[in-house]
Structure formats: structure tokens, C-alpha cells
Amino acid sequence: MGKHSKTSHHHKPAIERAVPIERIVELFSSRFDDPYLNPSAELSFEDITSGLPDLPKEELEEALTYWTGHSGDRVLSTKTVEEGQEDSRVWYVHGLSRLRVQ
């Protein structure tokens, strides 16, 4: 028995279809000049939810987790920053993997 020679079928996970990375990058691009190179281009979860009001918070949380841990080109990253007496999480567009919009 030989190996299959046909091109493998790529099935997008439901969260990828519901919240494509392009949508998140567009939000950053609408708020910052060249978010790939701007070190201050960071958004909190509250910023992202207000920028994408049509998405339920649970779905957005799942999408952010999915895209920051995505095994392909790393486009979205997260870090913890200190704000006053508490730490909070922010997301940013990774400067080394510019998204190729088709």
C-alpha cells in the first residue's frame, strides 16, 4: 500500500471560522499605525471586546486563546503588564509574522 498522494484537506476549526485572525488584526490596524512595528500597539480584553461588540465575550476569549497558541505563523501574542497594583493581560500583533491578506 502506497502513501496517499492527494493534497490533504485542511479543515478550519469552528473558532477560526467564527473569529478569523484577519478580523483581530483589522481591529489593531484601525487603532494603531502599523501595529506590526508599533511597540505600543497593545489592546486589553476590554479594548478588544469594545472593538468587536458583535462577538460574545466567551467566543472572543476562546479565539484569543486559540490565536495566541496557534501552531502556524505566530501573528497574535499576549503578555502581562503591571497597571498600578494589579497585573493585566494585553494582546499585540507579532512584528515578525506579518499577516498575508489575500
Protein backbone atom coordinates (compact mmCIF):
# COMPACT_ATOMS: atom_id res chain seq x y z
CA MET A 1 0.00 0.00 0.00
CA GLY A 2 1.39 3.38 -1.02
CA LYS A 3 1.00 6.74 0.65
CA HIS A 4 -1.88 8.96 -0.33
CA SER A 5 -0.74 11.38 -2.99
CA LYS A 6 -3.71 13.68 -3.00
CA THR A 7 -3.48 17.05 -1.28
CA SER A 8 -4.60 16.86 2.32
CA HIS A 9 -7.87 18.53 3.18
CA HIS A 10 -7.50 21.39 5.63
CA HIS A 11 -10.48 21.68 7.93
CA LYS A 12 -10.69 25.01 9.73
CA PRO A 13 -11.73 24.76 13.38
CA ALA A 14 -15.05 26.44 14.18
CA ILE A 15 -13.35 29.21 16.17
CA GLU A 16 -11.17 30.05 13.14
CA ARG A 17 -14.30 30.49 11.02
CA ALA A 18 -16.16 32.42 13.75
CA VAL A 19 -13.30 34.82 14.57
CA PRO A 20 -10.71 34.89 11.78
CA ILE A 21 -7.31 36.35 12.65
CA GLU A 22 -7.84 38.96 9.93
CA ARG A 23 -10.67 40.42 11.97
CA ILE A 24 -8.47 40.83 15.04
CA VAL A 25 -5.61 42.32 13.01
CA GLU A 26 -8.06 44.78 11.38
CA LEU A 27 -9.02 45.99 14.87
CA PHE A 28 -5.36 46.66 15.70
CA SER A 29 -4.84 48.36 12.33
CA SER A 30 -7.84 50.63 12.90
CA ARG A 31 -6.40 51.82 16.21
CA PHE A 32 -2.66 51.97 15.50
CA ASP A 33 -0.34 52.91 12.65
CA ASP A 34 1.37 49.70 11.52
CA PRO A 35 0.64 47.54 14.59
CA TYR A 36 3.32 45.07 13.46
CA LEU A 37 6.07 47.60 14.18
CA ASN A 38 4.46 49.80 16.83
CA PRO A 39 5.64 48.68 20.30
CA SER A 40 2.74 50.49 21.98
CA ALA A 41 0.09 48.72 19.86
CA GLU A 42 -1.42 46.70 22.70
CA LEU A 43 -5.08 46.08 23.48
CA SER A 44 -6.64 44.80 26.67
CA PHE A 45 -9.51 42.34 26.64
CA GLU A 46 -11.89 45.23 27.33
CA ASP A 47 -10.47 47.13 24.32
CA ILE A 48 -10.94 44.09 22.10
CA THR A 49 -14.49 43.40 23.29
CA SER A 50 -15.48 47.03 22.73
CA GLY A 51 -13.86 46.93 19.27
CA LEU A 52 -15.70 43.73 18.31
CA PRO A 53 -19.08 44.24 20.02
CA ASP A 54 -20.90 41.70 17.86
CA LEU A 55 -18.92 38.80 19.34
CA PRO A 56 -19.88 37.17 22.64
CA LYS A 57 -17.17 37.51 25.30
CA GLU A 58 -16.81 33.74 25.70
CA GLU A 59 -16.26 33.29 21.97
CA LEU A 60 -13.73 36.12 21.94
CA GLU A 61 -11.85 34.61 24.90
CA GLU A 62 -11.71 31.29 23.07
CA ALA A 63 -10.49 32.98 19.87
CA LEU A 64 -7.75 34.94 21.64
CA THR A 65 -6.54 31.77 23.36
CA TYR A 66 -6.66 29.90 20.07
CA TRP A 67 -4.81 32.53 18.03
CA THR A 68 -2.07 33.15 20.62
CA GLY A 69 -1.36 29.41 20.77
CA HIS A 70 -1.82 28.77 17.05
CA SER A 71 0.80 26.41 15.63
CA GLY A 72 1.11 28.26 12.31
CA ASP A 73 2.67 31.67 11.75
CA ARG A 74 2.59 33.48 15.05
CA VAL A 75 0.53 36.61 14.43
CA LEU A 76 -1.04 37.33 17.81
CA SER A 77 0.85 37.36 21.11
CA THR A 78 -0.02 38.21 24.69
CA LYS A 79 1.82 39.42 27.75
CA THR A 80 1.12 40.54 31.29
CA VAL A 81 1.71 44.19 32.15
CA GLU A 82 1.66 45.90 35.51
CA GLU A 83 -1.02 48.53 35.91
CA GLY A 84 -0.96 50.10 39.32
CA GLN A 85 -1.32 47.40 41.93
CA GLU A 86 -2.57 44.65 39.64
CA ASP A 87 -1.33 42.84 36.59
CA SER A 88 -3.40 42.75 33.45
CA ARG A 89 -3.10 40.95 30.17
CA VAL A 90 -2.73 42.67 26.79
CA TRP A 91 -2.51 41.36 23.24
CA TYR A 92 -0.35 42.63 20.41
CA VAL A 93 0.34 41.77 16.77
CA HIS A 94 3.64 39.94 16.49
CA GLY A 95 6.07 42.03 14.44
CA LEU A 96 7.89 39.10 12.87
CA SER A 97 4.89 37.49 11.14
CA ARG A 98 3.04 39.99 9.01
CA LEU A 99 -0.34 38.55 8.06
CA ARG A 100 -0.73 37.90 4.36
CA VAL A 101 -4.19 39.16 3.44
CA GLN A 102 -5.49 37.54 0.29
